[in-house]
Amino acid sequence: MTAPASASSSTPLERDARLVNARDGTIRPGEIAIGVIIGRTGEFFDFFVYAIASVLVFPALVFPFVDALTGTLYSFALFSLAFIGRPIGTLIFTWIDQRHGRGVKLTIAMFLLGGSTMAIAVLPGYAQVGAASAWILGFFRLCQGIALGGAWDGLPSLLQLNAPEEKRGWYAMVPQLGAPIGLLVACALFGYFLALLTPEDFVRWGWRYPFFVALAINVVALFARLRLVATPEFQRLFESRELQPSPPFQTLFAEWRTILLGAFAPLASFALFHLVAVFPLSWVSLNTNEEPVRFLMLEAVGAVLCIMAILASGLIADRVGRRAVLGVSAVLIGVYSGIAPRLLDGGQLGEAVYLFAGFILLGLSFGQSTNVVNSNFAPYHRYTGAAIVSNSAWFLGAGFAPLVALFLASHFGLWSVGLYLLSGVICTLAALGINKQFAQRGS
């Protein structure tokens, strides 16, 4: 096992974080949960701010020389770069973690994420710098992905492994709350500026403010996580759980079966994630005359429903097991894939049913979709293996989902989006069937 970083390698920021450590010197699951929620909310807020801008801003600002559909497809192609960057970030920041400690790694990653977000906030458009605008946007989107890969701190894995046996499902869903909370805040901010400004002012400068807010949230998230990560008690907890970084390629070769199953197990959930949170906004914006403010408010309501469903998934999983929740929700998503996508052409009522039903199913499945294989890793590979699984699952299930869904829907019709979602359901059910370890309640 790699030795933990010594105190001499800690930064002033880490030492300041120790000063606000828990007064009694212990780290409880509840405290880890708070750090996880704040950290994940910051990451997903960044994610959704960029996703919404990919539909409402970048096609007009960066790609005005093509039609709206092509511009949105180009924008979604750049959106996918972050998911390509995540494995790169894991490689780079694992090296930093091994040599300088988890706190140093996390600090650099979060500043890279915040700096990239700030750079996008001041992005010049095609009218100012021509095609260089797309190159600049793509570069900093890739940097965001690298930073997200490096921001993996092991907190979700530690939370699950440190949770009481009878509450593993409840603690497994805690990190997932960051996604709908981040979406809720992002939709509210964009909706506010869209309602307040003219379309011209919004595209020119109004959209930039949510990116500045993202930077502020990242700073708060950094200190919330360092408050735990930088403490001696937390370091001892990581050591006792043997959550130390191992060489990524060695982990990949040694644990390829677990990584493969872990990457495919949540595909139904991760594909649905973008098909209710990102794709519908692009379809409605391109094919109807509806005001985007209304649709963003529908998504905000959907995010609230998703939060409630995620909470319910934790309670249900502790009664019937995580494998049962994942399997049943995957089947329900399969039914949804055959019916729901065409509702987007069914007017405002159809759109609302598509979103609300989708977000409820997303909450039930997404709440238990991650960390399902972490306990299967050999202790030496668990920390790095969990990061590889997370990156792989997001890359396969979500990285290209908005791009693929919009391309299929615009060329073949909305029924093809349902077929695409169904393919993720098949992958999830196959992975659950193969890995018998999932059958262990609370695993």
Foldseek 3Di string as FASTA:
>chain_A
DQDAADPVLDDPLLVVLQVPADPVQADALVLLLVLLLLQLLLLQLLLLLLLVCLQQAQLVFAVVVDDNLVSSLLSLVLSLLLLVLLVVLLQVLLVVCSHRNLLVLQVVLLVLLLVLLLCLLPQHGCVVVNNVSSVSSSVSSSSNSSSVNSNQRCSLVLSLVRDPLLQSLQSLLSSVLSNLSSLLVSLVQLLVLLVVDDSVCCNVRVSSVSSVVSSVSSVVSSSSNSSQRSHPNNVVSCVVLLQRRDNLVVLCVVPVVLLVLLLLQLQLLQLLSCVQRRQLLNCCVVPHPDDSSVVSVLLSVLSVLLSVLLNVLSVVLSVQFLLVLQLVLLVVSLVCLQPLLVLSVVPPVSSSCSNNVSSNSSSSNVSSSAPLRLVVGDSNSSNSSSSSSVSSNCSVRHSSSSSVQSVCCVPPNSSVNSVVSNVSSVSNVVSSVVDCVRVPGSD
